[in-house]
Protein backbone atom coordinates (compact mmCIF):
# COMPACT_ATOMS: atom_id res chain seq x y z
CA UNK A 1 20.45 3.97 13.81
CA UNK A 2 21.53 6.97 11.78
CA UNK A 3 21.05 10.48 13.07
CA UNK A 4 18.88 12.68 10.89
CA UNK A 5 17.45 16.12 11.47
CA UNK A 6 13.98 17.30 10.49
CA UNK A 7 15.02 18.70 7.10
CA UNK A 8 16.80 15.45 6.21
CA UNK A 9 13.76 13.42 7.21
CA UNK A 10 11.46 15.60 5.10
CA UNK A 11 13.81 15.33 2.12
CA UNK A 12 14.00 11.55 2.50
CA UNK A 13 10.20 11.44 2.53
CA UNK A 14 10.14 13.25 -0.82
CA UNK A 15 9.82 16.83 0.38
CA UNK A 16 6.65 18.82 0.89
CA UNK A 17 3.77 18.88 -1.56
CA UNK A 18 2.15 22.11 -2.72
CA UNK A 19 -0.67 21.77 -0.17
CA UNK A 20 1.57 21.32 2.89
CA UNK A 21 1.13 23.88 5.65
CA UNK A 22 4.84 24.71 5.78
CA UNK A 23 4.62 26.81 8.93
CA UNK A 24 2.60 24.28 10.94
CA UNK A 25 4.84 21.21 10.91
CA UNK A 26 5.15 19.53 14.31
CA UNK A 27 7.46 16.92 15.80
CA UNK A 28 5.91 14.65 18.43
CA UNK A 29 8.25 13.02 20.95
CA UNK A 30 7.38 10.67 23.81
CA UNK A 31 9.43 11.45 26.92
CA UNK A 32 8.83 9.92 30.34
CA UNK A 33 5.29 8.90 29.42
CA UNK A 34 4.37 12.35 28.12
CA UNK A 35 4.20 13.69 24.59
CA UNK A 36 6.21 16.80 23.81
CA UNK A 37 5.37 18.76 20.66
CA UNK A 38 8.02 20.84 18.90
CA UNK A 39 7.09 23.38 16.19
CA UNK A 40 8.91 23.44 12.86
CA UNK A 41 8.53 26.25 10.32
CA UNK A 42 9.97 24.97 7.04
CA UNK A 43 10.41 28.39 5.42
CA UNK A 44 12.08 29.94 8.47
CA UNK A 45 14.58 27.09 8.75
CA UNK A 46 15.40 26.98 5.05
CA UNK A 47 15.86 30.78 5.12
CA UNK A 48 18.49 30.29 7.83
CA UNK A 49 16.29 31.45 10.70
CA UNK A 50 15.19 29.49 13.77
CA UNK A 51 17.75 26.80 12.98
CA UNK A 52 17.25 25.34 16.46
CA UNK A 53 13.94 23.96 15.13
CA UNK A 54 15.93 21.67 12.82
CA UNK A 55 16.50 19.26 15.69
CA UNK A 56 17.99 15.81 15.55
CA UNK A 57 15.24 13.21 15.50
CA UNK A 58 15.17 10.26 17.87
CA UNK A 59 13.80 6.79 17.35
CA UNK A 60 10.04 7.00 17.76
CA UNK A 61 9.69 10.69 16.88
CA UNK A 62 6.82 11.49 14.53
CA UNK A 63 6.96 14.42 12.08
CA UNK A 64 3.49 15.65 11.09
CA UNK A 65 3.02 17.86 8.02
CA UNK A 66 -0.59 19.08 7.90
C-alpha cells in the first residue's frame, strides 16, 4: 500500500487528455457509510494554488475526470 496523492495518481494513469474538464475533477471517498466528494482543480494545483486539494488518496478512493 503506497501513498500517492491526486497528482501522482493522475500521472500514473497517463495524465489528462485534451478533452478533460480540468477544473471539475472529483475524488469520491466512502467514510462511515457515506460518500464524501472532494473537488480538485488541476490547473490551480499545478500553478501552486489550492495545494490542499492535492490530498493523499486512500484505498478505495475514486478519482473522476469528466
